[in-house]
Amino acid sequence: MLKSVCLGLAVMLGVAAGANGLFMLMSPETWYFTVPGVTSSGPFNQHFVRDISLIFLLVAAGFLLGAARPGLRSKLWAAATTWLTGHALFHLWQVAVGMDPVSAIPRDFPAVLLPALIGLGLTWWALASPSRIGQRPASRARASSGSESVEARTSSATASRTTT
């Protein structure tokens, strides 16, 4: 169940980032005047909007490809989440230093802060998920194999003492 939820969220996040990236790339001026808060960040710059669109397309590719490729999932999602988190922290910093009003936080939450939080949760799940390598998490596997080898050594030592 959790796996289905996480993969569904990753696909939704990837599709949303991809749609935003395509919108920015294909119609940068419309995007600039449509998205709440963007016009207060400075004058329209078509080149800049299209540059950022490529980042959103890469984020989309990371989440969508990660949903389809379990072996690459944690790396792809971590890479995409790194940008989303940096972007969110930058928005919070702008509020903290007075560049933006506090009212920017709820305005930016759905499109900036929430994707970063979802990305962090998905990346944590991918890193902690036993299915990422098809086995138990490394810490439990080591503990388990370590105790088995101690038992095996104890049995072996006991057996050799009784035969000699």
Protein backbone atom coordinates (compact mmCIF):
# COMPACT_ATOMS: atom_id res chain seq x y z
CA MET A 1 0.00 0.00 0.00
CA LEU A 2 2.73 2.49 0.99
CA LYS A 3 4.69 1.63 -2.14
CA SER A 4 1.65 2.38 -4.33
CA VAL A 5 1.08 5.70 -2.57
CA CYS A 6 4.74 6.71 -2.95
CA LEU A 7 4.89 5.74 -6.61
CA GLY A 8 1.59 7.54 -7.24
CA LEU A 9 2.88 10.70 -5.56
CA ALA A 10 6.11 10.50 -7.56
CA VAL A 11 4.19 10.21 -10.83
CA MET A 12 1.91 13.12 -9.85
CA LEU A 13 4.91 15.24 -8.87
CA GLY A 14 6.67 14.33 -12.11
CA VAL A 15 3.63 15.12 -14.26
CA ALA A 16 3.06 18.45 -12.45
CA ALA A 17 6.73 19.46 -12.81
CA GLY A 18 6.67 18.41 -16.47
CA ALA A 19 3.48 20.35 -17.18
CA ASN A 20 4.93 23.45 -15.50
CA GLY A 21 8.21 23.06 -17.40
CA LEU A 22 6.43 22.71 -20.74
CA PHE A 23 4.20 25.70 -19.97
CA MET A 24 7.28 27.78 -19.12
CA LEU A 25 9.12 26.63 -22.23
CA MET A 26 6.26 27.03 -24.71
CA SER A 27 4.63 30.18 -23.36
CA PRO A 28 7.01 31.94 -20.98
CA GLU A 29 5.22 35.28 -20.94
CA THR A 30 1.81 33.73 -20.26
CA TRP A 31 3.39 31.61 -17.51
CA TYR A 32 4.99 34.72 -16.00
CA PHE A 33 1.70 36.61 -15.78
CA THR A 34 -0.40 33.57 -14.74
CA VAL A 35 1.51 32.10 -11.80
CA PRO A 36 0.76 33.94 -8.52
CA GLY A 37 3.72 35.84 -7.09
CA VAL A 38 5.99 35.59 -10.12
CA THR A 39 5.47 39.18 -11.29
CA SER A 40 6.60 40.47 -7.89
CA SER A 41 9.95 38.67 -8.30
CA GLY A 42 11.26 41.00 -10.99
CA PRO A 43 10.68 41.95 -14.62
CA PHE A 44 9.82 39.35 -17.25
CA ASN A 45 12.87 37.67 -18.77
CA GLN A 46 12.02 35.10 -21.43
CA HIS A 47 15.49 33.55 -21.39
CA PHE A 48 15.46 33.09 -17.62
CA VAL A 49 11.95 31.56 -17.59
CA ARG A 50 12.95 29.10 -20.30
CA ASP A 51 16.19 28.23 -18.47
CA ILE A 52 14.21 27.38 -15.34
CA SER A 53 11.74 25.39 -17.45
CA LEU A 54 14.56 22.98 -18.27
CA ILE A 55 15.13 22.39 -14.55
CA PHE A 56 11.44 21.56 -14.09
CA LEU A 57 11.64 19.14 -17.04
CA LEU A 58 14.66 17.45 -15.46
CA VAL A 59 12.83 17.23 -12.11
CA ALA A 60 9.89 15.64 -13.96
CA ALA A 61 12.18 13.15 -15.68
CA GLY A 62 13.81 12.28 -12.34
CA PHE A 63 10.53 11.49 -10.60
CA LEU A 64 8.94 9.70 -13.55
CA LEU A 65 12.02 7.65 -14.40
CA GLY A 66 12.57 6.88 -10.71
CA ALA A 67 9.02 5.60 -10.43
CA ALA A 68 9.70 3.19 -13.30
CA ARG A 69 13.28 2.16 -12.40
CA PRO A 70 13.60 0.92 -8.79
CA GLY A 71 17.37 0.49 -9.03
CA LEU A 72 17.85 4.17 -9.87
CA ARG A 73 14.94 5.51 -7.83
CA SER A 74 16.78 6.85 -4.77
CA LYS A 75 19.44 8.63 -6.84
CA LEU A 76 16.98 10.14 -9.32
CA TRP A 77 14.57 11.27 -6.63
CA ALA A 78 17.38 12.66 -4.47
CA ALA A 79 18.72 14.69 -7.40
CA ALA A 80 15.29 16.11 -8.24
CA THR A 81 14.53 16.77 -4.57
CA THR A 82 17.81 18.64 -4.11
CA TRP A 83 16.65 21.32 -6.51
CA LEU A 84 13.09 21.41 -5.16
CA THR A 85 14.41 21.80 -1.61
CA GLY A 86 16.90 24.51 -2.56
CA HIS A 87 14.13 26.37 -4.37
CA ALA A 88 11.83 26.12 -1.33
CA LEU A 89 14.57 27.24 1.07
CA PHE A 90 15.33 30.21 -1.15
CA HIS A 91 11.66 31.26 -1.02
CA LEU A 92 11.67 30.97 2.78
CA TRP A 93 14.93 32.93 2.97
CA GLN A 94 13.35 35.74 0.93
CA VAL A 95 10.63 36.00 3.56
CA ALA A 96 13.12 35.76 6.45
CA VAL A 97 15.22 38.68 5.18
CA GLY A 98 12.21 40.84 4.27
CA MET A 99 12.39 40.57 0.49
CA ASP A 100 8.91 39.00 0.44
CA PRO A 101 6.01 39.41 2.86
CA VAL A 102 5.02 36.57 5.19
CA SER A 103 1.89 36.19 3.04
CA ALA A 104 4.17 34.70 0.36
CA ILE A 105 4.48 31.47 2.39
CA PRO A 106 0.85 30.31 1.99
CA ARG A 107 0.83 31.62 -1.58
CA ASP A 108 3.97 29.63 -2.45
CA PHE A 109 3.13 26.55 -0.40
CA PRO A 110 1.28 24.47 -3.03
CA ALA A 111 3.75 25.01 -5.88
CA VAL A 112 7.07 25.51 -4.07
CA LEU A 113 7.14 24.21 -0.49
CA LEU A 114 4.82 21.19 -0.83
CA PRO A 115 6.70 19.62 -3.78
CA ALA A 116 9.95 19.87 -1.79
CA LEU A 117 8.34 18.22 1.25
CA ILE A 118 6.86 15.46 -0.92
CA GLY A 119 10.23 14.98 -2.62
CA LEU A 120 11.98 14.70 0.75
CA GLY A 121 9.46 12.12 1.93
CA LEU A 122 9.70 10.12 -1.30
CA THR A 123 13.50 10.17 -1.25
CA TRP A 124 13.56 9.05 2.39
CA TRP A 125 11.16 6.21 1.54
CA ALA A 126 13.26 5.18 -1.50
CA LEU A 127 16.45 5.15 0.57
CA ALA A 128 14.84 3.18 3.40
CA SER A 129 12.90 0.80 1.18
CA PRO A 130 14.10 -2.82 1.19
CA SER A 131 12.87 -3.22 -2.40
CA ARG A 132 15.43 -0.71 -3.64
CA ILE A 133 18.04 -3.48 -3.70
CA GLY A 134 15.67 -6.41 -3.52
CA GLN A 135 16.81 -7.31 0.00
CA ARG A 136 16.51 -6.23 3.59
CA PRO A 137 17.99 -2.85 4.53
CA ALA A 138 21.77 -3.10 4.85
CA SER A 139 21.85 -2.50 8.62
CA ARG A 140 19.48 -5.39 9.34
CA ALA A 141 21.17 -7.64 6.78
CA ARG A 142 24.57 -7.01 8.43
CA ALA A 143 23.20 -7.58 11.92
CA SER A 144 21.51 -10.76 10.78
CA SER A 145 24.49 -12.15 8.90
CA GLY A 146 26.78 -11.17 11.76
CA SER A 147 24.76 -13.12 14.31
CA GLU A 148 24.53 -16.13 11.98
CA SER A 149 28.27 -16.18 11.52
CA VAL A 150 28.81 -16.00 15.28
CA GLU A 151 26.43 -18.94 15.73
CA ALA A 152 28.13 -20.84 12.92
CA ARG A 153 31.55 -20.18 14.45
CA THR A 154 30.34 -21.25 17.89
CA SER A 155 28.91 -24.50 16.50
CA SER A 156 32.06 -25.13 14.51
CA ALA A 157 34.31 -24.51 17.53
CA THR A 158 32.15 -26.73 19.74
CA ALA A 159 32.19 -29.49 17.13
CA SER A 160 35.97 -29.37 16.74
CA ARG A 161 36.51 -29.54 20.54
CA THR A 162 34.32 -32.58 20.91
CA THR A 163 36.07 -34.46 18.08
CA THR A 164 39.61 -33.76 19.31
